[in-house]
Structure formats: structure tokens, C-alpha cells
Amino acid sequence: MNPSDKKFSAAIVNLLHNAVRFSPEKTKIILGVVEKNDAALCWVKDEGIGIPEAELEKIFDKFYQVEAHTVRRYGGMGIGLTIAEGLIEAQGGRIWAESKGEGQGTTFKVLLPI
């Protein structure tokens, strides 16, 4: 396994961990990958709490969490997505999130050159 494989794996494990943490029991989490031109498109899709559209860009900021600091039902420090973004970008890739809002689940997508 080369270092890029380890970076990719660490980023995907982080996304899967978040999907489990923010999804109710007995809901689906889907991991997929397809080749798209000269890149691999990978996604982690959950049926969890979702993310308000206005928050989608902010979630990759260091220490940022959608949930108010006075509530923190889900824990965490707010650095996992920042780390995942750094690992993907270090390989020339891109990571982003898509959600239709609260209660609608979230899909994280990663596009990496092959």
C-alpha cells in the first residue's frame, strides 16, 4: 500500500465514522465508487440528521460543528472533516458534502485523480 492509499483510507474511514455517528440505528449507509474520466468518484451516503444548506461549506472549517456548543449531543471536536479534506487535497482531490437539509441525510463525495 502506498502513502496515498493510506490517506484515502483514513479520509473514507472518517466519513464512515461520521455517517454512523449521525444516523439513527437501522438506517442505511452506502459506500460507492465509480470511475469518471481520469478520476475516481467515491461517496458515503447516510440517512442521518442531514446538514442545513447554509452550513455545507462551513463543515470543513477547523473546530466547526453545526450543532450549538451548548448542546453537543454528538460529541467530537470538529476536526475530522478538516483532516479528511486535507488528506484528499494533498492527493490532488476534492471533497464536498450534499444534503437537502435537516432530517434528509448527507452524502459526502470525494473526487480523486487516477
C-alpha atoms as a PDB file:
ATOM      1  CA  MET A   1       0.000   0.000   0.000  1.00  0.00           C
ATOM      2  CA  ASN A   2       1.449   3.390  -0.929  1.00  0.00           C
ATOM      3  CA  PRO A   3       1.059   6.534   1.239  1.00  0.00           C
ATOM      4  CA  SER A   4      -1.760   7.847  -0.969  1.00  0.00           C
ATOM      5  CA  ASP A   5      -3.784   4.700  -0.253  1.00  0.00           C
ATOM      6  CA  LYS A   6      -3.392   5.299   3.487  1.00  0.00           C
ATOM      7  CA  LYS A   7      -4.507   8.931   3.147  1.00  0.00           C
ATOM      8  CA  PHE A   8      -7.532   7.932   1.098  1.00  0.00           C
ATOM      9  CA  SER A   9      -8.432   5.139   3.543  1.00  0.00           C
ATOM     10  CA  ALA A  10      -8.136   7.457   6.543  1.00  0.00           C
ATOM     11  CA  ALA A  11     -10.416  10.027   4.896  1.00  0.00           C
ATOM     12  CA  ILE A  12     -13.053   7.424   3.982  1.00  0.00           C
ATOM     13  CA  VAL A  13     -12.956   5.867   7.462  1.00  0.00           C
ATOM     14  CA  ASN A  14     -13.579   9.342   8.891  1.00  0.00           C
ATOM     15  CA  LEU A  15     -16.589   9.829   6.602  1.00  0.00           C
ATOM     16  CA  LEU A  16     -17.972   6.397   7.516  1.00  0.00           C
ATOM     17  CA  HIS A  17     -17.484   7.101  11.214  1.00  0.00           C
ATOM     18  CA  ASN A  18     -19.436  10.357  10.870  1.00  0.00           C
ATOM     19  CA  ALA A  19     -22.186   8.602   8.917  1.00  0.00           C
ATOM     20  CA  VAL A  20     -22.607   6.069  11.729  1.00  0.00           C
ATOM     21  CA  ARG A  21     -22.447   8.728  14.434  1.00  0.00           C
ATOM     22  CA  PHE A  22     -25.063  10.997  12.855  1.00  0.00           C
ATOM     23  CA  SER A  23     -27.501   8.312  11.662  1.00  0.00           C
ATOM     24  CA  PRO A  24     -30.268   6.597  13.602  1.00  0.00           C
ATOM     25  CA  GLU A  25     -29.953   2.863  14.222  1.00  0.00           C
ATOM     26  CA  LYS A  26     -31.096   0.540  11.431  1.00  0.00           C
ATOM     27  CA  THR A  27     -30.722   3.137   8.679  1.00  0.00           C
ATOM     28  CA  LYS A  28     -28.643   2.625   5.551  1.00  0.00           C
ATOM     29  CA  ILE A  29     -25.141   3.888   4.943  1.00  0.00           C
ATOM     30  CA  ILE A  30     -23.963   3.423   1.379  1.00  0.00           C
ATOM     31  CA  LEU A  31     -20.343   3.466   0.213  1.00  0.00           C
ATOM     32  CA  GLY A  32     -19.836   3.669  -3.524  1.00  0.00           C
ATOM     33  CA  VAL A  33     -17.170   4.316  -6.110  1.00  0.00           C
ATOM     34  CA  VAL A  34     -17.143   4.748  -9.884  1.00  0.00           C
ATOM     35  CA  GLU A  35     -14.521   5.683 -12.414  1.00  0.00           C
ATOM     36  CA  LYS A  36     -15.297   9.029 -14.024  1.00  0.00           C
ATOM     37  CA  ASN A  37     -12.966  10.068 -16.869  1.00  0.00           C
ATOM     38  CA  ASP A  38      -9.480  10.065 -15.307  1.00  0.00           C
ATOM     39  CA  ALA A  39     -10.748  10.165 -11.733  1.00  0.00           C
ATOM     40  CA  ALA A  40     -12.423   8.037  -9.102  1.00  0.00           C
ATOM     41  CA  LEU A  41     -15.634   9.368  -7.581  1.00  0.00           C
ATOM     42  CA  CYS A  42     -16.309   7.881  -4.142  1.00  0.00           C
ATOM     43  CA  TRP A  43     -19.261   8.652  -1.885  1.00  0.00           C
ATOM     44  CA  VAL A  44     -20.599   7.908   1.569  1.00  0.00           C
ATOM     45  CA  LYS A  45     -24.348   8.425   1.802  1.00  0.00           C
ATOM     46  CA  ASP A  46     -26.360   8.206   5.002  1.00  0.00           C
ATOM     47  CA  GLU A  47     -29.971   8.608   6.110  1.00  0.00           C
ATOM     48  CA  GLY A  48     -28.985  10.652   9.139  1.00  0.00           C
ATOM     49  CA  ILE A  49     -29.708  14.068  10.571  1.00  0.00           C
ATOM     50  CA  GLY A  50     -28.658  15.965   7.452  1.00  0.00           C
ATOM     51  CA  ILE A  51     -26.988  19.351   7.209  1.00  0.00           C
ATOM     52  CA  PRO A  52     -28.722  22.678   6.584  1.00  0.00           C
ATOM     53  CA  GLU A  53     -27.711  24.023   3.165  1.00  0.00           C
ATOM     54  CA  ALA A  54     -26.203  27.185   4.676  1.00  0.00           C
ATOM     55  CA  GLU A  55     -23.798  25.031   6.725  1.00  0.00           C
ATOM     56  CA  LEU A  56     -22.443  22.808   3.925  1.00  0.00           C
ATOM     57  CA  GLU A  57     -19.364  24.931   3.186  1.00  0.00           C
ATOM     58  CA  LYS A  58     -18.578  25.615   6.861  1.00  0.00           C
ATOM     59  CA  ILE A  59     -18.401  21.975   7.968  1.00  0.00           C
ATOM     60  CA  PHE A  60     -14.841  21.635   6.672  1.00  0.00           C
ATOM     61  CA  ASP A  61     -13.620  24.560   8.826  1.00  0.00           C
ATOM     62  CA  LYS A  62     -11.426  23.576  11.764  1.00  0.00           C
ATOM     63  CA  PHE A  63     -13.405  23.166  15.023  1.00  0.00           C
ATOM     64  CA  TYR A  64     -16.710  23.995  13.303  1.00  0.00           C
ATOM     65  CA  GLN A  65     -19.783  21.970  14.215  1.00  0.00           C
ATOM     66  CA  VAL A  66     -23.334  22.526  13.029  1.00  0.00           C
ATOM     67  CA  GLU A  67     -24.653  21.673  16.457  1.00  0.00           C
ATOM     68  CA  ALA A  68     -24.529  24.524  19.006  1.00  0.00           C
ATOM     69  CA  HIS A  69     -21.762  24.202  21.596  1.00  0.00           C
ATOM     70  CA  THR A  70     -24.371  24.281  24.375  1.00  0.00           C
ATOM     71  CA  VAL A  71     -25.999  21.082  23.099  1.00  0.00           C
ATOM     72  CA  ARG A  72     -23.288  18.753  21.714  1.00  0.00           C
ATOM     73  CA  ARG A  73     -25.371  15.566  21.594  1.00  0.00           C
ATOM     74  CA  TYR A  74     -22.983  14.007  19.093  1.00  0.00           C
ATOM     75  CA  GLY A  75     -19.643  14.945  20.665  1.00  0.00           C
ATOM     76  CA  GLY A  76     -16.455  15.337  18.692  1.00  0.00           C
ATOM     77  CA  MET A  77     -14.051  18.229  18.342  1.00  0.00           C
ATOM     78  CA  GLY A  78     -14.928  19.459  14.870  1.00  0.00           C
ATOM     79  CA  ILE A  79     -11.640  18.494  13.225  1.00  0.00           C
ATOM     80  CA  GLY A  80     -12.437  15.203  11.473  1.00  0.00           C
ATOM     81  CA  LEU A  81     -13.738  16.744   8.259  1.00  0.00           C
ATOM     82  CA  THR A  82     -10.886  19.269   8.215  1.00  0.00           C
ATOM     83  CA  ILE A  83      -8.421  16.381   8.393  1.00  0.00           C
ATOM     84  CA  ALA A  84     -10.281  14.403   5.712  1.00  0.00           C
ATOM     85  CA  GLU A  85     -10.253  17.454   3.440  1.00  0.00           C
ATOM     86  CA  GLY A  86      -6.507  17.901   3.957  1.00  0.00           C
ATOM     87  CA  LEU A  87      -5.814  14.247   3.172  1.00  0.00           C
ATOM     88  CA  ILE A  88      -7.851  14.355  -0.040  1.00  0.00           C
ATOM     89  CA  GLU A  89      -6.490  17.710  -1.212  1.00  0.00           C
ATOM     90  CA  ALA A  90      -2.912  16.513  -0.560  1.00  0.00           C
ATOM     91  CA  GLN A  91      -3.554  13.925  -3.282  1.00  0.00           C
ATOM     92  CA  GLY A  92      -4.916  16.465  -5.754  1.00  0.00           C
ATOM     93  CA  GLY A  93      -8.519  15.575  -4.974  1.00  0.00           C
ATOM     94  CA  ARG A  94     -11.651  17.345  -3.880  1.00  0.00           C
ATOM     95  CA  ILE A  95     -14.193  16.590  -1.129  1.00  0.00           C
ATOM     96  CA  TRP A  96     -17.640  18.090  -0.611  1.00  0.00           C
ATOM     97  CA  ALA A  97     -20.964  17.412   1.065  1.00  0.00           C
ATOM     98  CA  GLU A  98     -24.501  17.400  -0.284  1.00  0.00           C
ATOM     99  CA  SER A  99     -27.664  17.460   1.814  1.00  0.00           C
ATOM    100  CA  LYS A 100     -31.230  18.588   1.261  1.00  0.00           C
ATOM    101  CA  GLY A 101     -31.383  19.782   4.859  1.00  0.00           C
ATOM    102  CA  GLU A 102     -32.174  18.632   8.339  1.00  0.00           C
ATOM    103  CA  GLY A 103     -33.514  15.089   8.541  1.00  0.00           C
ATOM    104  CA  GLN A 104     -32.663  14.423   4.880  1.00  0.00           C
ATOM    105  CA  GLY A 105     -29.346  12.614   5.267  1.00  0.00           C
ATOM    106  CA  THR A 106     -25.984  13.624   3.838  1.00  0.00           C
ATOM    107  CA  THR A 107     -23.765  12.456   1.006  1.00  0.00           C
ATOM    108  CA  PHE A 108     -20.046  13.136   1.150  1.00  0.00           C
ATOM    109  CA  LYS A 109     -18.277  12.889  -2.189  1.00  0.00           C
ATOM    110  CA  VAL A 110     -14.585  12.548  -2.961  1.00  0.00           C
ATOM    111  CA  LEU A 111     -13.104  13.018  -6.420  1.00  0.00           C
ATOM    112  CA  LEU A 112      -9.506  11.811  -6.836  1.00  0.00           C
ATOM    113  CA  PRO A 113      -7.353  11.683  -9.955  1.00  0.00           C
ATOM    114  CA  ILE A 114      -6.416   8.155 -11.026  1.00  0.00           C
END
